[in-house]
């Protein structure tokens, strides 16, 4: 995500066809943390370019209440991924899972 913090970085990542690679990775990846990172990067790549004054997202001042809300949403997302991972692990333990794709 650091590569997409600047307008120039986002341009390079889009130009290299990263979206197509991430889209395919997202279909096969089973690790929740990697899936979450893919989804966030895909959102950046397919989203509209931020407006003037937001060329470098690392320098944007975020209001404290918005930052707190985003942190809360991140925690909720992490908790959801953790629960889903545990459910998958329990399901694999009770029945055979699908064959893992080769890498």
N, C-alpha and C. Protein backbone atom coordinates (compact mmCIF):
# COMPACT_ATOMS: atom_id res chain seq x y z
N UNK A 1 0.82 -1.20 0.00
CA UNK A 1 0.00 0.00 0.00
C UNK A 1 0.86 1.26 0.00
N UNK A 2 2.10 1.16 0.44
CA UNK A 2 2.98 2.32 0.42
C UNK A 2 3.24 2.77 -1.01
N UNK A 3 3.26 1.83 -1.94
CA UNK A 3 3.48 2.18 -3.34
C UNK A 3 2.35 3.03 -3.90
N UNK A 4 1.18 2.90 -3.32
CA UNK A 4 0.03 3.64 -3.83
C UNK A 4 -0.27 4.89 -3.02
N UNK A 5 0.65 5.30 -2.17
CA UNK A 5 0.43 6.49 -1.35
C UNK A 5 0.53 7.76 -2.18
N UNK A 6 1.29 7.74 -3.26
CA UNK A 6 1.44 8.94 -4.08
C UNK A 6 0.76 8.74 -5.43
N UNK A 7 0.42 9.84 -6.04
CA UNK A 7 -0.23 9.78 -7.36
C UNK A 7 0.66 9.08 -8.38
N UNK A 8 1.95 9.39 -8.35
CA UNK A 8 2.90 8.76 -9.29
C UNK A 8 2.98 7.25 -9.03
N UNK A 9 3.00 6.87 -7.78
CA UNK A 9 3.05 5.45 -7.43
C UNK A 9 1.80 4.71 -7.89
N UNK A 10 0.64 5.32 -7.68
CA UNK A 10 -0.61 4.70 -8.14
C UNK A 10 -0.60 4.53 -9.65
N UNK A 11 -0.07 5.52 -10.36
CA UNK A 11 0.00 5.46 -11.82
C UNK A 11 0.88 4.28 -12.26
N UNK A 12 2.04 4.13 -11.65
CA UNK A 12 2.95 3.04 -12.01
C UNK A 12 2.31 1.68 -11.72
N UNK A 13 1.68 1.55 -10.56
CA UNK A 13 1.06 0.27 -10.19
C UNK A 13 -0.06 -0.07 -11.17
N UNK A 14 -0.86 0.91 -11.55
CA UNK A 14 -1.92 0.66 -12.54
C UNK A 14 -1.33 0.30 -13.90
N UNK A 15 -0.30 1.04 -14.30
CA UNK A 15 0.32 0.85 -15.61
C UNK A 15 0.93 -0.54 -15.78
N UNK A 16 1.41 -1.12 -14.71
CA UNK A 16 2.06 -2.44 -14.75
C UNK A 16 1.07 -3.60 -14.78
N UNK A 17 -0.23 -3.31 -14.76
CA UNK A 17 -1.22 -4.38 -14.83
C UNK A 17 -1.42 -5.10 -13.51
N UNK A 18 -1.14 -4.43 -12.43
CA UNK A 18 -1.23 -5.05 -11.10
C UNK A 18 -2.63 -5.52 -10.79
N UNK A 19 -3.63 -4.78 -11.25
CA UNK A 19 -5.01 -5.17 -10.95
C UNK A 19 -5.31 -6.59 -11.44
N UNK A 20 -4.88 -6.90 -12.66
CA UNK A 20 -5.16 -8.24 -13.21
C UNK A 20 -4.49 -9.34 -12.37
N UNK A 21 -3.29 -9.07 -11.92
CA UNK A 21 -2.57 -10.05 -11.09
C UNK A 21 -3.28 -10.22 -9.75
N UNK A 22 -3.65 -9.12 -9.13
CA UNK A 22 -4.34 -9.18 -7.83
C UNK A 22 -5.70 -9.86 -7.96
N UNK A 23 -6.38 -9.60 -9.04
CA UNK A 23 -7.69 -10.23 -9.25
C UNK A 23 -7.54 -11.75 -9.29
N UNK A 24 -6.52 -12.22 -9.98
CA UNK A 24 -6.28 -13.67 -10.08
C UNK A 24 -5.82 -14.23 -8.74
N UNK A 25 -4.91 -13.51 -8.08
CA UNK A 25 -4.44 -13.95 -6.75
C UNK A 25 -5.60 -14.06 -5.79
N UNK A 26 -6.51 -13.11 -5.83
CA UNK A 26 -7.65 -13.11 -4.92
C UNK A 26 -8.52 -14.35 -5.09
N UNK A 27 -8.58 -14.88 -6.30
CA UNK A 27 -9.37 -16.10 -6.55
C UNK A 27 -8.77 -17.33 -5.88
N UNK A 28 -7.44 -17.36 -5.74
CA UNK A 28 -6.77 -18.57 -5.28
C UNK A 28 -6.27 -18.47 -3.84
N UNK A 29 -6.01 -17.29 -3.38
CA UNK A 29 -5.40 -17.11 -2.05
C UNK A 29 -6.37 -17.52 -0.95
N UNK A 30 -5.83 -18.22 0.05
CA UNK A 30 -6.66 -18.68 1.16
C UNK A 30 -6.31 -17.98 2.48
N UNK A 31 -5.19 -17.30 2.53
CA UNK A 31 -4.76 -16.63 3.76
C UNK A 31 -5.55 -15.33 3.93
N UNK A 32 -6.32 -15.20 5.01
CA UNK A 32 -7.17 -14.02 5.19
C UNK A 32 -6.41 -12.70 5.19
N UNK A 33 -5.22 -12.65 5.76
CA UNK A 33 -4.47 -11.40 5.78
C UNK A 33 -4.07 -10.98 4.37
N UNK A 34 -3.70 -11.94 3.55
CA UNK A 34 -3.32 -11.63 2.17
C UNK A 34 -4.55 -11.21 1.37
N UNK A 35 -5.67 -11.89 1.59
CA UNK A 35 -6.91 -11.50 0.92
C UNK A 35 -7.31 -10.08 1.28
N UNK A 36 -7.21 -9.73 2.55
CA UNK A 36 -7.57 -8.38 2.99
C UNK A 36 -6.67 -7.34 2.33
N UNK A 37 -5.37 -7.62 2.26
CA UNK A 37 -4.44 -6.69 1.62
C UNK A 37 -4.76 -6.55 0.13
N UNK A 38 -5.08 -7.66 -0.54
CA UNK A 38 -5.46 -7.63 -1.95
C UNK A 38 -6.70 -6.76 -2.15
N UNK A 39 -7.70 -6.96 -1.31
CA UNK A 39 -8.94 -6.22 -1.45
C UNK A 39 -8.72 -4.72 -1.26
N UNK A 40 -7.91 -4.36 -0.29
CA UNK A 40 -7.65 -2.94 -0.06
C UNK A 40 -6.90 -2.32 -1.24
N UNK A 41 -5.92 -3.03 -1.76
CA UNK A 41 -5.17 -2.51 -2.90
C UNK A 41 -6.03 -2.43 -4.15
N UNK A 42 -6.87 -3.42 -4.34
CA UNK A 42 -7.79 -3.39 -5.49
C UNK A 42 -8.71 -2.17 -5.38
N UNK A 43 -9.20 -1.86 -4.20
CA UNK A 43 -10.06 -0.69 -4.02
C UNK A 43 -9.33 0.59 -4.41
N UNK A 44 -8.06 0.68 -4.07
CA UNK A 44 -7.26 1.85 -4.45
C UNK A 44 -7.12 1.91 -5.96
N UNK A 45 -6.84 0.77 -6.58
CA UNK A 45 -6.60 0.74 -8.02
C UNK A 45 -7.84 1.02 -8.85
N UNK A 46 -9.00 0.57 -8.40
CA UNK A 46 -10.21 0.77 -9.19
C UNK A 46 -10.96 2.04 -8.80
N UNK A 47 -10.55 2.65 -7.69
CA UNK A 47 -11.22 3.86 -7.22
C UNK A 47 -10.80 5.09 -8.02
N UNK A 48 -11.56 6.14 -7.83
CA UNK A 48 -11.23 7.42 -8.46
C UNK A 48 -9.97 7.99 -7.82
N UNK A 49 -9.24 8.73 -8.60
CA UNK A 49 -8.03 9.40 -8.09
C UNK A 49 -8.46 10.49 -7.11
N UNK A 50 -7.81 10.55 -5.94
CA UNK A 50 -8.15 11.59 -4.96
C UNK A 50 -7.97 12.99 -5.56
N UNK A 51 -8.69 13.94 -5.00
CA UNK A 51 -8.68 15.30 -5.53
C UNK A 51 -7.39 16.06 -5.25
N UNK A 52 -7.39 17.31 -5.66
CA UNK A 52 -6.23 18.19 -5.47
C UNK A 52 -5.87 18.28 -4.00
N UNK A 53 -4.58 18.30 -3.73
CA UNK A 53 -4.09 18.36 -2.36
C UNK A 53 -3.95 17.00 -1.72
N UNK A 54 -4.34 15.95 -2.44
CA UNK A 54 -4.26 14.59 -1.89
C UNK A 54 -3.37 13.71 -2.75
N UNK A 55 -2.42 14.32 -3.44
CA UNK A 55 -1.52 13.56 -4.31
C UNK A 55 -0.69 12.58 -3.49
N UNK A 56 -0.28 12.97 -2.27
CA UNK A 56 0.47 12.09 -1.38
C UNK A 56 -0.42 11.81 -0.17
N UNK A 57 -0.99 10.63 -0.12
CA UNK A 57 -1.94 10.28 0.93
C UNK A 57 -1.29 10.18 2.31
N UNK A 58 0.03 10.02 2.35
CA UNK A 58 0.72 9.96 3.64
C UNK A 58 0.77 11.33 4.31
N UNK A 59 0.56 12.38 3.55
CA UNK A 59 0.62 13.74 4.08
C UNK A 59 -0.74 14.34 4.37
N UNK A 60 -1.81 13.61 4.08
CA UNK A 60 -3.17 14.12 4.29
C UNK A 60 -3.49 14.12 5.78
N UNK A 61 -4.02 15.24 6.26
CA UNK A 61 -4.44 15.35 7.66
C UNK A 61 -5.84 14.77 7.80
N UNK A 62 -5.95 13.74 8.63
CA UNK A 62 -7.24 13.08 8.84
C UNK A 62 -7.79 13.56 10.19
N UNK A 63 -9.03 14.05 10.21
CA UNK A 63 -9.61 14.47 11.48
C UNK A 63 -9.62 13.31 12.49
N UNK A 64 -9.41 13.64 13.76
CA UNK A 64 -9.27 12.61 14.79
C UNK A 64 -10.48 11.68 14.85
N UNK A 65 -11.70 12.23 14.73
CA UNK A 65 -12.89 11.38 14.82
C UNK A 65 -12.97 10.41 13.63
N UNK A 66 -12.52 10.85 12.48
CA UNK A 66 -12.50 9.98 11.30
C UNK A 66 -11.44 8.89 11.48
N UNK A 67 -10.28 9.28 11.99
CA UNK A 67 -9.22 8.30 12.23
C UNK A 67 -9.68 7.24 13.23
N UNK A 68 -10.36 7.64 14.28
CA UNK A 68 -10.87 6.68 15.27
C UNK A 68 -11.88 5.74 14.64
N UNK A 69 -12.75 6.29 13.80
CA UNK A 69 -13.74 5.46 13.12
C UNK A 69 -13.06 4.45 12.19
N UNK A 70 -12.05 4.89 11.45
CA UNK A 70 -11.33 3.98 10.56
C UNK A 70 -10.60 2.89 11.34
N UNK A 71 -10.02 3.25 12.47
CA UNK A 71 -9.35 2.26 13.31
C UNK A 71 -10.35 1.23 13.85
N UNK A 72 -11.53 1.70 14.23
CA UNK A 72 -12.58 0.79 14.71
C UNK A 72 -12.99 -0.16 13.59
N UNK A 73 -13.18 0.37 12.40
CA UNK A 73 -13.55 -0.48 11.27
C UNK A 73 -12.46 -1.50 10.94
N UNK A 74 -11.20 -1.09 11.05
CA UNK A 74 -10.08 -2.02 10.83
C UNK A 74 -10.11 -3.15 11.85
N UNK A 75 -10.35 -2.80 13.12
CA UNK A 75 -10.41 -3.83 14.17
C UNK A 75 -11.55 -4.80 13.91
N UNK A 76 -12.71 -4.27 13.50
CA UNK A 76 -13.87 -5.12 13.21
C UNK A 76 -13.56 -6.04 12.03
N UNK A 77 -12.90 -5.52 11.01
CA UNK A 77 -12.54 -6.33 9.85
C UNK A 77 -11.56 -7.43 10.25
N UNK A 78 -10.57 -7.08 11.04
CA UNK A 78 -9.60 -8.08 11.50
C UNK A 78 -10.29 -9.17 12.32
N UNK A 79 -11.23 -8.79 13.16
CA UNK A 79 -11.97 -9.76 13.96
C UNK A 79 -12.80 -10.67 13.07
N UNK A 80 -13.43 -10.10 12.06
CA UNK A 80 -14.22 -10.91 11.12
C UNK A 80 -13.33 -11.92 10.40
N UNK A 81 -12.15 -11.46 9.92
CA UNK A 81 -11.22 -12.37 9.25
C UNK A 81 -10.76 -13.47 10.19
N UNK A 82 -10.50 -13.11 11.45
CA UNK A 82 -10.04 -14.10 12.43
C UNK A 82 -11.11 -15.17 12.64
N UNK A 83 -12.37 -14.75 12.80
CA UNK A 83 -13.47 -15.71 12.99
C UNK A 83 -13.63 -16.60 11.77
N UNK A 84 -13.56 -16.02 10.58
CA UNK A 84 -13.70 -16.82 9.35
C UNK A 84 -12.56 -17.82 9.24
N UNK A 85 -11.34 -17.40 9.59
CA UNK A 85 -10.20 -18.31 9.54
C UNK A 85 -10.40 -19.47 10.50
N UNK A 86 -10.86 -19.17 11.72
CA UNK A 86 -11.10 -20.23 12.71
C UNK A 86 -12.20 -21.18 12.24
N UNK A 87 -13.25 -20.63 11.63
CA UNK A 87 -14.33 -21.48 11.13
C UNK A 87 -13.84 -22.40 10.02
N UNK A 88 -12.99 -21.87 9.13
CA UNK A 88 -12.44 -22.71 8.06
C UNK A 88 -11.55 -23.80 8.63
N UNK A 89 -10.75 -23.46 9.63
CA UNK A 89 -9.87 -24.45 10.24
C UNK A 89 -10.68 -25.54 10.92
N UNK A 90 -11.76 -25.16 11.60
CA UNK A 90 -12.63 -26.15 12.23
C UNK A 90 -13.30 -27.03 11.19
N UNK A 91 -13.73 -26.43 10.09
CA UNK A 91 -14.39 -27.20 9.03
C UNK A 91 -13.41 -28.18 8.38
N UNK A 92 -12.17 -27.76 8.20
CA UNK A 92 -11.16 -28.66 7.62
C UNK A 92 -10.87 -29.83 8.54
N UNK A 93 -10.94 -29.58 9.84
CA UNK A 93 -10.68 -30.64 10.80
C UNK A 93 -11.78 -31.69 10.83
N UNK A 94 -13.02 -31.28 10.48
CA UNK A 94 -14.14 -32.22 10.55
C UNK A 94 -14.46 -32.89 9.23
N UNK A 95 -13.99 -32.30 8.12
CA UNK A 95 -14.24 -32.92 6.83
C UNK A 95 -13.10 -32.55 5.88
N UNK A 96 -12.85 -33.38 4.90
CA UNK A 96 -11.78 -33.06 3.96
C UNK A 96 -12.12 -31.80 3.16
N UNK A 97 -11.14 -30.96 2.98
CA UNK A 97 -11.34 -29.72 2.24
C UNK A 97 -11.01 -29.90 0.77
N UNK A 98 -11.27 -28.89 -0.02
CA UNK A 98 -10.94 -28.99 -1.45
C UNK A 98 -9.43 -29.03 -1.62
N UNK A 99 -9.03 -29.60 -2.72
CA UNK A 99 -7.61 -29.69 -3.01
C UNK A 99 -7.01 -28.30 -3.13
N UNK A 100 -5.85 -28.09 -2.54
CA UNK A 100 -5.17 -26.81 -2.60
C UNK A 100 -4.67 -26.58 -4.03
N UNK A 101 -4.81 -25.35 -4.55
CA UNK A 101 -4.28 -25.08 -5.89
C UNK A 101 -2.75 -25.10 -5.86
N UNK A 102 -2.15 -25.53 -6.95
CA UNK A 102 -0.69 -25.53 -7.01
C UNK A 102 -0.20 -24.11 -7.24
N UNK A 103 0.98 -23.81 -6.72
CA UNK A 103 1.53 -22.46 -6.86
C UNK A 103 2.81 -22.50 -7.61
